């Protein structure tokens, strides 16, 4: 699994983009800050095409279900975001629409978990 940095491609199941905002700046991969625990949560989802009269497009990411490092792999006291990231969005159908890393945009730094 790759470590995820700010420029990784993260999208909802409908292909809405999720720009990332890193909460730390001192650990980088090719000068791009690595994401840590809670960075992917509560982010705006841009251009989710899932809409209609009774359909709510994905607008925000919810809590991460899986995708944080385990054990001692941390930056400060925060777990690092890994490429198997998976969480739900607030879109319809509720509880079924996920967001995931589509492309980590780096293959230099990897972790077992």
Foldseek 3Di string as FASTA:
>chain_A
DFFAFQPFFKAKPQRFTWGWDAPDQPDDDVNTGTHWPPRQFFTATHDRPFDDDPWFGFGGWHHWPDAWDDDPCADPPTTTGHQQIKGATCTPPPPPMIMGGPGRVDDPGDDPD
